[in-house]
PDB file of all heavy atoms in Angstrom:
ATOM      1  N   TRP A   1      59.146 149.158  78.247  1.00  0.00           N
ATOM      2  CA  TRP A   1      58.296 148.069  78.369  1.00  0.00           C
ATOM      3  C   TRP A   1      59.105 146.757  78.363  1.00  0.00           C
ATOM      4  O   TRP A   1      58.929 145.802  79.200  1.00  0.00           O
ATOM      5  CB  TRP A   1      57.203 148.097  77.302  1.00  0.00           C
ATOM      6  CG  TRP A   1      56.391 146.822  77.397  1.00  0.00           C
ATOM      7  CD1 TRP A   1      56.386 145.792  76.544  1.00  0.00           C
ATOM      8  CD2 TRP A   1      55.331 146.541  78.360  1.00  0.00           C
ATOM      9  NE1 TRP A   1      55.489 144.797  76.777  1.00  0.00           N
ATOM     10  CE2 TRP A   1      54.844 145.229  77.965  1.00  0.00           C
ATOM     11  CE3 TRP A   1      54.844 147.200  79.511  1.00  0.00           C
ATOM     12  CZ2 TRP A   1      53.864 144.649  78.695  1.00  0.00           C
ATOM     13  CZ3 TRP A   1      53.934 146.529  80.200  1.00  0.00           C
ATOM     14  CH2 TRP A   1      53.376 145.269  79.818  1.00  0.00           C
ATOM     15  N   GLU A   2      60.065 146.639  77.434  1.00  0.00           N
ATOM     16  CA  GLU A   2      60.792 145.450  77.386  1.00  0.00           C
ATOM     17  C   GLU A   2      61.735 145.308  78.564  1.00  0.00           C
ATOM     18  O   GLU A   2      61.885 144.144  79.123  1.00  0.00           O
ATOM     19  CB  GLU A   2      61.745 145.489  76.146  1.00  0.00           C
ATOM     20  CG  GLU A   2      61.079 145.502  74.697  1.00  0.00           C
ATOM     21  CD  GLU A   2      60.532 144.177  74.456  1.00  0.00           C
ATOM     22  OE1 GLU A   2      61.142 143.185  74.801  1.00  0.00           O
ATOM     23  OE2 GLU A   2      59.445 144.088  73.835  1.00  0.00           O
ATOM     24  N   ARG A   3      62.251 146.412  79.107  1.00  0.00           N
ATOM     25  CA  ARG A   3      63.188 146.240  80.277  1.00  0.00           C
ATOM     26  C   ARG A   3      62.285 145.850  81.450  1.00  0.00           C
ATOM     27  O   ARG A   3      62.706 144.970  82.268  1.00  0.00           O
ATOM     28  CB  ARG A   3      63.766 147.700  80.525  1.00  0.00           C
ATOM     29  CG  ARG A   3      64.862 147.598  81.573  1.00  0.00           C
ATOM     30  CD  ARG A   3      65.427 148.920  81.803  1.00  0.00           C
ATOM     31  NE  ARG A   3      66.086 149.375  80.568  1.00  0.00           N
ATOM     32  CZ  ARG A   3      66.194 150.679  80.260  1.00  0.00           C
ATOM     33  NH1 ARG A   3      65.803 151.585  81.089  1.00  0.00           N
ATOM     34  NH2 ARG A   3      66.780 151.080  79.139  1.00  0.00           N
ATOM     35  N   THR A   4      61.102 146.387  81.625  1.00  0.00           N
ATOM     36  CA  THR A   4      60.184 146.023  82.752  1.00  0.00           C
ATOM     37  C   THR A   4      59.824 144.567  82.649  1.00  0.00           C
ATOM     38  O   THR A   4      59.797 143.749  83.634  1.00  0.00           O
ATOM     39  CB  THR A   4      58.894 146.819  82.687  1.00  0.00           C
ATOM     40  OG1 THR A   4      59.227 148.203  82.754  1.00  0.00           O
ATOM     41  CG2 THR A   4      58.059 146.580  83.916  1.00  0.00           C
ATOM     42  N   LYS A   5      59.568 144.059  81.417  1.00  0.00           N
ATOM     43  CA  LYS A   5      59.143 142.675  81.191  1.00  0.00           C
ATOM     44  C   LYS A   5      60.268 141.822  81.525  1.00  0.00           C
ATOM     45  O   LYS A   5      60.202 140.676  82.155  1.00  0.00           O
ATOM     46  CB  LYS A   5      58.814 142.493  79.769  1.00  0.00           C
ATOM     47  CG  LYS A   5      58.013 141.293  79.457  1.00  0.00           C
ATOM     48  CD  LYS A   5      57.408 141.478  78.016  1.00  0.00           C
ATOM     49  CE  LYS A   5      57.530 140.128  77.233  1.00  0.00           C
ATOM     50  NZ  LYS A   5      57.057 140.378  75.888  1.00  0.00           N
ATOM     51  N   LYS A   6      61.594 142.136  81.250  1.00  0.00           N
ATOM     52  CA  LYS A   6      62.778 141.340  81.439  1.00  0.00           C
ATOM     53  C   LYS A   6      62.984 141.305  82.978  1.00  0.00           C
ATOM     54  O   LYS A   6      63.306 140.233  83.599  1.00  0.00           O
ATOM     55  CB  LYS A   6      63.961 142.042  80.800  1.00  0.00           C
ATOM     56  CG  LYS A   6      65.247 141.204  80.960  1.00  0.00           C
ATOM     57  CD  LYS A   6      66.312 141.916  80.222  1.00  0.00           C
ATOM     58  CE  LYS A   6      67.640 141.191  80.496  1.00  0.00           C
ATOM     59  NZ  LYS A   6      68.790 141.912  79.958  1.00  0.00           N
ATOM     60  N   ASP A   7      62.821 142.399  83.689  1.00  0.00           N
ATOM     61  CA  ASP A   7      62.967 142.488  85.159  1.00  0.00           C
ATOM     62  C   ASP A   7      62.020 141.548  85.859  1.00  0.00           C
ATOM     63  O   ASP A   7      62.264 140.873  86.836  1.00  0.00           O
ATOM     64  CB  ASP A   7      62.846 143.857  85.668  1.00  0.00           C
ATOM     65  CG  ASP A   7      63.996 144.781  85.295  1.00  0.00           C
ATOM     66  OD1 ASP A   7      65.041 144.204  84.866  1.00  0.00           O
ATOM     67  OD2 ASP A   7      63.939 145.997  85.436  1.00  0.00           O
ATOM     68  N   ARG A   8      60.775 141.586  85.372  1.00  0.00           N
ATOM     69  CA  ARG A   8      59.670 140.767  85.912  1.00  0.00           C
ATOM     70  C   ARG A   8      60.008 139.216  85.757  1.00  0.00           C
ATOM     71  O   ARG A   8      59.828 138.471  86.667  1.00  0.00           O
ATOM     72  CB  ARG A   8      58.368 141.058  85.290  1.00  0.00           C
ATOM     73  CG  ARG A   8      57.196 141.002  86.278  1.00  0.00           C
ATOM     74  CD  ARG A   8      55.916 141.446  85.660  1.00  0.00           C
ATOM     75  NE  ARG A   8      55.775 142.877  85.450  1.00  0.00           N
ATOM     76  CZ  ARG A   8      55.332 143.418  84.409  1.00  0.00           C
ATOM     77  NH1 ARG A   8      54.851 142.759  83.379  1.00  0.00           N
ATOM     78  NH2 ARG A   8      55.214 144.729  84.345  1.00  0.00           N
ATOM     79  N   ARG A   9      60.506 138.941  84.696  1.00  0.00           N
ATOM     80  CA  ARG A   9      60.862 137.527  84.293  1.00  0.00           C
ATOM     81  C   ARG A   9      62.021 137.086  85.323  1.00  0.00           C
ATOM     82  O   ARG A   9      62.004 135.997  85.785  1.00  0.00           O
ATOM     83  CB  ARG A   9      61.262 137.378  82.883  1.00  0.00           C
ATOM     84  CG  ARG A   9      60.412 136.389  82.132  1.00  0.00           C
ATOM     85  CD  ARG A   9      60.894 136.197  80.734  1.00  0.00           C
ATOM     86  NE  ARG A   9      60.500 137.321  79.932  1.00  0.00           N
ATOM     87  CZ  ARG A   9      61.305 137.977  79.013  1.00  0.00           C
ATOM     88  NH1 ARG A   9      62.505 137.490  78.911  1.00  0.00           N
ATOM     89  NH2 ARG A   9      60.857 138.958  78.312  1.00  0.00           N
ATOM     90  N   SER A  10      62.980 137.900  85.473  1.00  0.00           N
ATOM     91  CA  SER A  10      64.149 137.569  86.321  1.00  0.00           C
ATOM     92  C   SER A  10      63.758 137.423  87.816  1.00  0.00           C
ATOM     93  O   SER A  10      64.304 136.721  88.524  1.00  0.00           O
ATOM     94  CB  SER A  10      65.340 138.504  86.131  1.00  0.00           C
ATOM     95  OG  SER A  10      64.959 139.796  86.601  1.00  0.00           O
ATOM     96  N   ALA A  11      62.714 138.236  88.215  1.00  0.00           N
ATOM     97  CA  ALA A  11      62.254 138.176  89.592  1.00  0.00           C
ATOM     98  C   ALA A  11      61.458 136.883  89.858  1.00  0.00           C
ATOM     99  O   ALA A  11      61.543 136.298  90.970  1.00  0.00           O
ATOM    100  CB  ALA A  11      61.407 139.412  89.899  1.00  0.00           C
ATOM    101  N   ASP A  12      60.750 136.418  88.815  1.00  0.00           N
ATOM    102  CA  ASP A  12      59.929 135.204  89.024  1.00  0.00           C
ATOM    103  C   ASP A  12      60.855 133.931  88.889  1.00  0.00           C
ATOM    104  O   ASP A  12      60.436 132.889  89.443  1.00  0.00           O
ATOM    105  CB  ASP A  12      58.807 135.134  87.980  1.00  0.00           C
ATOM    106  CG  ASP A  12      57.777 136.222  88.173  1.00  0.00           C
ATOM    107  OD1 ASP A  12      57.777 136.715  89.263  1.00  0.00           O
ATOM    108  OD2 ASP A  12      57.066 136.546  87.133  1.00  0.00           O
ATOM    109  N   ALA A  13      61.944 134.004  88.307  1.00  0.00           N
ATOM    110  CA  ALA A  13      62.778 132.819  88.162  1.00  0.00           C
ATOM    111  C   ALA A  13      63.374 132.416  89.437  1.00  0.00           C
ATOM    112  O   ALA A  13      63.735 133.254  90.268  1.00  0.00           O
ATOM    113  CB  ALA A  13      63.893 133.173  87.198  1.00  0.00           C
ATOM    114  N   PRO A  14      63.550 131.112  89.705  1.00  0.00           N
ATOM    115  CA  PRO A  14      64.102 130.755  90.998  1.00  0.00           C
ATOM    116  C   PRO A  14      65.636 131.060  91.014  1.00  0.00           C
ATOM    117  O   PRO A  14      66.264 131.169  89.976  1.00  0.00           O
ATOM    118  CB  PRO A  14      63.986 129.242  90.865  1.00  0.00           C
ATOM    119  CG  PRO A  14      63.846 128.892  89.473  1.00  0.00           C
ATOM    120  CD  PRO A  14      63.174 130.033  88.862  1.00  0.00           C
ATOM    121  N   ALA A  15      66.087 131.406  92.182  1.00  0.00           N
ATOM    122  CA  ALA A  15      67.414 131.749  92.454  1.00  0.00           C
ATOM    123  C   ALA A  15      68.275 130.544  92.167  1.00  0.00           C
ATOM    124  O   ALA A  15      68.022 129.410  92.533  1.00  0.00           O
ATOM    125  CB  ALA A  15      67.622 132.310  93.810  1.00  0.00           C
ATOM    126  N   PRO A  16      69.413 130.761  91.556  1.00  0.00           N
ATOM    127  CA  PRO A  16      70.327 129.598  91.300  1.00  0.00           C
ATOM    128  C   PRO A  16      70.876 129.059  92.676  1.00  0.00           C
ATOM    129  O   PRO A  16      71.188 129.764  93.607  1.00  0.00           O
ATOM    130  CB  PRO A  16      71.495 130.187  90.492  1.00  0.00           C
ATOM    131  CG  PRO A  16      71.378 131.709  90.754  1.00  0.00           C
ATOM    132  CD  PRO A  16      70.034 132.016  91.127  1.00  0.00           C
ATOM    133  N   GLU A  17      70.905 127.762  92.742  1.00  0.00           N
ATOM    134  CA  GLU A  17      71.408 127.041  93.980  1.00  0.00           C
ATOM    135  C   GLU A  17      72.930 127.345  94.172  1.00  0.00           C
ATOM    136  O   GLU A  17      73.673 127.212  93.201  1.00  0.00           O
ATOM    137  CB  GLU A  17      71.066 125.596  94.012  1.00  0.00           C
ATOM    138  CG  GLU A  17      69.567 125.331  94.045  1.00  0.00           C
ATOM    139  CD  GLU A  17      69.328 123.837  94.174  1.00  0.00           C
ATOM    140  OE1 GLU A  17      70.145 123.114  94.638  1.00  0.00           O
ATOM    141  OE2 GLU A  17      68.262 123.386  93.692  1.00  0.00           O
ATOM    142  N   ARG A  18      73.278 127.635  95.431  1.00  0.00           N
ATOM    143  CA  ARG A  18      74.671 127.871  95.689  1.00  0.00           C
ATOM    144  C   ARG A  18      75.318 126.535  96.126  1.00  0.00           C
ATOM    145  O   ARG A  18      74.754 125.747  96.768  1.00  0.00           O
ATOM    146  CB  ARG A  18      74.781 128.943  96.756  1.00  0.00           C
ATOM    147  CG  ARG A  18      74.197 130.344  96.352  1.00  0.00           C
ATOM    148  CD  ARG A  18      74.267 131.249  97.406  1.00  0.00           C
ATOM    149  NE  ARG A  18      75.598 131.275  98.125  1.00  0.00           N
ATOM    150  CZ  ARG A  18      76.039 132.081  99.018  1.00  0.00           C
ATOM    151  NH1 ARG A  18      75.161 133.016  99.497  1.00  0.00           N
ATOM    152  NH2 ARG A  18      77.177 132.010  99.560  1.00  0.00           N
ATOM    153  N   GLU A  19      76.575 126.437  95.753  1.00  0.00           N
ATOM    154  CA  GLU A  19      77.236 125.170  96.098  1.00  0.00           C
ATOM    155  C   GLU A  19      77.740 125.351  97.627  1.00  0.00           C
ATOM    156  O   GLU A  19      78.170 126.387  98.068  1.00  0.00           O
ATOM    157  CB  GLU A  19      78.475 124.984  95.366  1.00  0.00           C
ATOM    158  CG  GLU A  19      78.349 124.038  94.193  1.00  0.00           C
ATOM    159  CD  GLU A  19      79.622 123.770  93.538  1.00  0.00           C
ATOM    160  OE1 GLU A  19      80.687 123.699  94.143  1.00  0.00           O
ATOM    161  OE2 GLU A  19      79.618 123.755  92.186  1.00  0.00           O
ATOM    162  N   THR A  20      77.542 124.319  98.353  1.00  0.00           N
ATOM    163  CA  THR A  20      78.000 124.326  99.738  1.00  0.00           C
ATOM    164  C   THR A  20      79.382 123.822  99.745  1.00  0.00           C
ATOM    165  O   THR A  20      79.809 123.155  98.743  1.00  0.00           O
ATOM    166  CB  THR A  20      77.167 123.379 100.643  1.00  0.00           C
ATOM    167  OG1 THR A  20      77.223 122.056 100.153  1.00  0.00           O
ATOM    168  CG2 THR A  20      75.616 123.910 100.665  1.00  0.00           C
ATOM    169  N   PRO A  21      80.269 124.094 100.696  1.00  0.00           N
ATOM    170  CA  PRO A  21      81.571 123.584 100.762  1.00  0.00           C
ATOM    171  C   PRO A  21      81.689 122.092 100.599  1.00  0.00           C
ATOM    172  O   PRO A  21      82.586 121.611  99.941  1.00  0.00           O
ATOM    173  CB  PRO A  21      82.110 123.996 102.102  1.00  0.00           C
ATOM    174  CG  PRO A  21      81.264 125.138 102.461  1.00  0.00           C
ATOM    175  CD  PRO A  21      79.938 124.935 101.853  1.00  0.00           C
ATOM    176  N   ALA A  22      80.671 121.331 101.148  1.00  0.00           N
ATOM    177  CA  ALA A  22      80.776 119.827 101.019  1.00  0.00           C
ATOM    178  C   ALA A  22      80.493 119.419  99.590  1.00  0.00           C
ATOM    179  O   ALA A  22      81.083 118.488  99.131  1.00  0.00           O
ATOM    180  CB  ALA A  22      79.744 119.202 101.991  1.00  0.00           C
ATOM    181  N   ASP A  23      79.536 120.184  98.871  1.00  0.00           N
ATOM    182  CA  ASP A  23      79.280 119.868  97.527  1.00  0.00           C
ATOM    183  C   ASP A  23      80.491 120.172  96.706  1.00  0.00           C
ATOM    184  O   ASP A  23      80.838 119.467  95.710  1.00  0.00           O
ATOM    185  CB  ASP A  23      78.062 120.676  96.989  1.00  0.00           C
ATOM    186  CG  ASP A  23      76.769 120.180  97.601  1.00  0.00           C
ATOM    187  OD1 ASP A  23      76.856 118.994  98.134  1.00  0.00           O
ATOM    188  OD2 ASP A  23      75.866 120.889  97.638  1.00  0.00           O
ATOM    189  N   ALA A  24      81.186 121.248  96.898  1.00  0.00           N
ATOM    190  CA  ALA A  24      82.347 121.693  96.205  1.00  0.00           C
ATOM    191  C   ALA A  24      83.417 120.603  96.311  1.00  0.00           C
ATOM    192  O   ALA A  24      84.197 120.364  95.318  1.00  0.00           O
ATOM    193  CB  ALA A  24      82.817 123.079  96.665  1.00  0.00           C
ATOM    194  N   ALA A  25      83.617 120.013  97.489  1.00  0.00           N
ATOM    195  CA  ALA A  25      84.692 119.024  97.636  1.00  0.00           C
ATOM    196  C   ALA A  25      84.206 117.677  97.219  1.00  0.00           C
ATOM    197  O   ALA A  25      85.034 116.860  96.997  1.00  0.00           O
ATOM    198  CB  ALA A  25      85.064 118.983  99.171  1.00  0.00           C
ATOM    199  N   GLY A  26      82.893 117.513  96.957  1.00  0.00           N
ATOM    200  CA  GLY A  26      82.373 116.171  96.471  1.00  0.00           C
ATOM    201  C   GLY A  26      82.194 115.174  97.644  1.00  0.00           C
ATOM    202  O   GLY A  26      82.130 113.961  97.317  1.00  0.00           O
ATOM    203  N   VAL A  27      82.238 115.669  98.895  1.00  0.00           N
ATOM    204  CA  VAL A  27      82.082 114.781  99.946  1.00  0.00           C
ATOM    205  C   VAL A  27      80.703 114.989 100.556  1.00  0.00           C
ATOM    206  O   VAL A  27      80.280 116.033 100.941  1.00  0.00           O
ATOM    207  CB  VAL A  27      83.066 115.078 101.116  1.00  0.00           C
ATOM    208  CG1 VAL A  27      82.907 114.199 102.256  1.00  0.00           C
ATOM    209  CG2 VAL A  27      84.469 114.904 100.600  1.00  0.00           C
ATOM    210  N   ARG A  28      79.893 113.842 100.667  1.00  0.00           N
ATOM    211  CA  ARG A  28      78.557 113.894 101.296  1.00  0.00           C
ATOM    212  C   ARG A  28      78.552 112.901 102.380  1.00  0.00           C
ATOM    213  O   ARG A  28      78.864 111.769 102.233  1.00  0.00           O
ATOM    214  CB  ARG A  28      77.516 113.686 100.295  1.00  0.00           C
ATOM    215  CG  ARG A  28      77.337 114.836  99.299  1.00  0.00           C
ATOM    216  CD  ARG A  28      76.149 114.509  98.477  1.00  0.00           C
ATOM    217  NE  ARG A  28      75.957 115.547  97.512  1.00  0.00           N
ATOM    218  CZ  ARG A  28      74.959 116.358  97.488  1.00  0.00           C
ATOM    219  NH1 ARG A  28      73.907 116.124  98.214  1.00  0.00           N
ATOM    220  NH2 ARG A  28      74.884 117.329  96.601  1.00  0.00           N
ATOM    221  N   ILE A  29      78.084 113.313 103.580  1.00  0.00           N
ATOM    222  CA  ILE A  29      78.018 112.396 104.777  1.00  0.00           C
ATOM    223  C   ILE A  29      76.514 111.789 104.667  1.00  0.00           C
ATOM    224  O   ILE A  29      75.515 112.576 104.744  1.00  0.00           O
ATOM    225  CB  ILE A  29      78.221 113.136 106.063  1.00  0.00           C
ATOM    226  CG1 ILE A  29      79.734 113.682 106.059  1.00  0.00           C
ATOM    227  CG2 ILE A  29      77.994 112.222 107.217  1.00  0.00           C
ATOM    228  CD1 ILE A  29      80.050 114.519 107.259  1.00  0.00           C
ATOM    229  N   PRO A  30      76.380 110.513 104.730  1.00  0.00           N
ATOM    230  CA  PRO A  30      75.070 109.825 104.842  1.00  0.00           C
ATOM    231  C   PRO A  30      74.369 110.300 106.084  1.00  0.00           C
ATOM    232  O   PRO A  30      74.970 110.488 107.104  1.00  0.00           O
ATOM    233  CB  PRO A  30      75.365 108.361 104.796  1.00  0.00           C
ATOM    234  CG  PRO A  30      76.668 108.261 104.183  1.00  0.00           C
ATOM    235  CD  PRO A  30      77.403 109.442 104.557  1.00  0.00           C
ATOM    236  N   SER A  31      73.050 110.384 106.028  1.00  0.00           N
ATOM    237  CA  SER A  31      72.271 110.871 107.228  1.00  0.00           C
ATOM    238  C   SER A  31      72.333 109.950 108.400  1.00  0.00           C
ATOM    239  O   SER A  31      72.072 110.368 109.507  1.00  0.00           O
ATOM    240  CB  SER A  31      70.919 111.179 106.787  1.00  0.00           C
ATOM    241  OG  SER A  31      70.295 110.085 106.337  1.00  0.00           O
ATOM    242  N   TRP A  32      72.649 108.693 108.253  1.00  0.00           N
ATOM    243  CA  TRP A  32      72.557 107.742 109.277  1.00  0.00           C
ATOM    244  C   TRP A  32      73.909 107.689 110.117  1.00  0.00           C
ATOM    245  O   TRP A  32      73.967 107.181 111.160  1.00  0.00           O
ATOM    246  CB  TRP A  32      72.341 106.313 108.791  1.00  0.00           C
ATOM    247  CG  TRP A  32      73.327 105.782 107.783  1.00  0.00           C
ATOM    248  CD1 TRP A  32      73.147 106.049 106.394  1.00  0.00           C
ATOM    249  CD2 TRP A  32      74.447 105.116 108.089  1.00  0.00           C
ATOM    250  NE1 TRP A  32      74.358 105.456 105.812  1.00  0.00           N
ATOM    251  CE2 TRP A  32      75.055 104.914 106.819  1.00  0.00           C
ATOM    252  CE3 TRP A  32      75.109 104.690 109.171  1.00  0.00           C
ATOM    253  CZ2 TRP A  32      76.319 104.228 106.674  1.00  0.00           C
ATOM    254  CZ3 TRP A  32      76.349 103.987 109.051  1.00  0.00           C
ATOM    255  CH2 TRP A  32      76.956 103.837 107.877  1.00  0.00           C
ATOM    256  N   ILE A  33      74.971 108.339 109.503  1.00  0.00           N
ATOM    257  CA  ILE A  33      76.235 108.253 110.210  1.00  0.00           C
ATOM    258  C   ILE A  33      76.265 108.933 111.598  1.00  0.00           C
ATOM    259  O   ILE A  33      76.771 108.427 112.501  1.00  0.00           O
ATOM    260  CB  ILE A  33      77.370 108.807 109.237  1.00  0.00           C
ATOM    261  CG1 ILE A  33      77.548 107.847 108.139  1.00  0.00           C
ATOM    262  CG2 ILE A  33      78.600 108.974 110.053  1.00  0.00           C
ATOM    263  CD1 ILE A  33      78.864 107.470 107.775  1.00  0.00           C
ATOM    264  N   PRO A  34      75.766 110.227 111.712  1.00  0.00           N
ATOM    265  CA  PRO A  34      75.780 110.799 113.053  1.00  0.00           C
ATOM    266  C   PRO A  34      74.970 109.955 114.100  1.00  0.00           C
ATOM    267  O   PRO A  34      75.533 109.906 115.201  1.00  0.00           O
ATOM    268  CB  PRO A  34      75.051 112.157 112.859  1.00  0.00           C
ATOM    269  CG  PRO A  34      75.231 112.454 111.457  1.00  0.00           C
ATOM    270  CD  PRO A  34      75.214 111.179 110.721  1.00  0.00           C
ATOM    271  N   ALA A  35      73.902 109.404 113.759  1.00  0.00           N
ATOM    272  CA  ALA A  35      73.190 108.557 114.741  1.00  0.00           C
ATOM    273  C   ALA A  35      73.966 107.350 115.075  1.00  0.00           C
ATOM    274  O   ALA A  35      74.035 106.902 116.274  1.00  0.00           O
ATOM    275  CB  ALA A  35      71.802 108.173 114.244  1.00  0.00           C
ATOM    276  N   ALA A  36      74.597 106.671 114.161  1.00  0.00           N
ATOM    277  CA  ALA A  36      75.395 105.553 114.383  1.00  0.00           C
ATOM    278  C   ALA A  36      76.641 105.829 115.282  1.00  0.00           C
ATOM    279  O   ALA A  36      76.964 105.095 116.217  1.00  0.00           O
ATOM    280  CB  ALA A  36      75.899 104.919 113.083  1.00  0.00           C
ATOM    281  N   VAL A  37      77.270 107.037 115.049  1.00  0.00           N
ATOM    282  CA  VAL A  37      78.390 107.446 115.854  1.00  0.00           C
ATOM    283  C   VAL A  37      77.916 107.703 117.259  1.00  0.00           C
ATOM    284  O   VAL A  37      78.559 107.270 118.244  1.00  0.00           O
ATOM    285  CB  VAL A  37      79.016 108.714 115.219  1.00  0.00           C
ATOM    286  CG1 VAL A  37      80.051 109.327 116.247  1.00  0.00           C
ATOM    287  CG2 VAL A  37      79.711 108.314 113.940  1.00  0.00           C
ATOM    288  N   PHE A  38      76.778 108.327 117.494  1.00  0.00           N
ATOM    289  CA  PHE A  38      76.266 108.657 118.778  1.00  0.00           C
ATOM    290  C   PHE A  38      75.943 107.374 119.540  1.00  0.00           C
ATOM    291  O   PHE A  38      76.339 107.194 120.701  1.00  0.00           O
ATOM    292  CB  PHE A  38      74.893 109.492 118.629  1.00  0.00           C
ATOM    293  CG  PHE A  38      74.349 109.776 119.960  1.00  0.00           C
ATOM    294  CD1 PHE A  38      74.922 110.722 120.861  1.00  0.00           C
ATOM    295  CD2 PHE A  38      73.197 109.207 120.295  1.00  0.00           C
ATOM    296  CE1 PHE A  38      74.361 110.977 122.175  1.00  0.00           C
ATOM    297  CE2 PHE A  38      72.585 109.454 121.555  1.00  0.00           C
ATOM    298  CZ  PHE A  38      73.176 110.359 122.492  1.00  0.00           C
ATOM    299  N   VAL A  39      75.302 106.344 118.955  1.00  0.00           N
ATOM    300  CA  VAL A  39      74.895 105.174 119.546  1.00  0.00           C
ATOM    301  C   VAL A  39      76.228 104.363 119.869  1.00  0.00           C
ATOM    302  O   VAL A  39      76.348 103.747 121.019  1.00  0.00           O
ATOM    303  CB  VAL A  39      74.042 104.254 118.695  1.00  0.00           C
ATOM    304  CG1 VAL A  39      73.859 102.842 119.195  1.00  0.00           C
ATOM    305  CG2 VAL A  39      72.630 104.916 118.577  1.00  0.00           C
ATOM    306  N   GLY A  40      77.185 104.258 119.001  1.00  0.00           N
ATOM    307  CA  GLY A  40      78.419 103.591 119.215  1.00  0.00           C
ATOM    308  C   GLY A  40      79.179 104.268 120.311  1.00  0.00           C
ATOM    309  O   GLY A  40      79.741 103.493 121.201  1.00  0.00           O
ATOM    310  N   LEU A  41      79.321 105.546 120.396  1.00  0.00           N
ATOM    311  CA  LEU A  41      80.042 106.208 121.496  1.00  0.00           C
ATOM    312  C   LEU A  41      79.339 106.061 122.785  1.00  0.00           C
ATOM    313  O   LEU A  41      80.038 105.780 123.792  1.00  0.00           O
ATOM    314  CB  LEU A  41      80.076 107.714 121.089  1.00  0.00           C
ATOM    315  CG  LEU A  41      81.040 108.604 122.043  1.00  0.00           C
ATOM    316  CD1 LEU A  41      82.514 108.052 122.031  1.00  0.00           C
ATOM    317  CD2 LEU A  41      80.959 110.078 121.654  1.00  0.00           C
ATOM    318  N   THR A  42      78.016 106.021 122.876  1.00  0.00           N
ATOM    319  CA  THR A  42      77.308 105.837 124.082  1.00  0.00           C
ATOM    320  C   THR A  42      77.535 104.333 124.585  1.00  0.00           C
ATOM    321  O   THR A  42      77.762 104.107 125.798  1.00  0.00           O
ATOM    322  CB  THR A  42      75.812 106.080 123.793  1.00  0.00           C
ATOM    323  OG1 THR A  42      75.605 107.374 123.420  1.00  0.00           O
ATOM    324  CG2 THR A  42      75.069 105.789 125.208  1.00  0.00           C
TER     325      THR A  42
END
């Protein structure tokens, strides 16, 4: 019963967030940069 209860609790818990390579390096690109580059290049 204890084991089943523990398994149920771990299934309901949210999955831990995985680090993306950008997060691991600490570099984040602002969302407006791709649009600005596109407009500038055009």
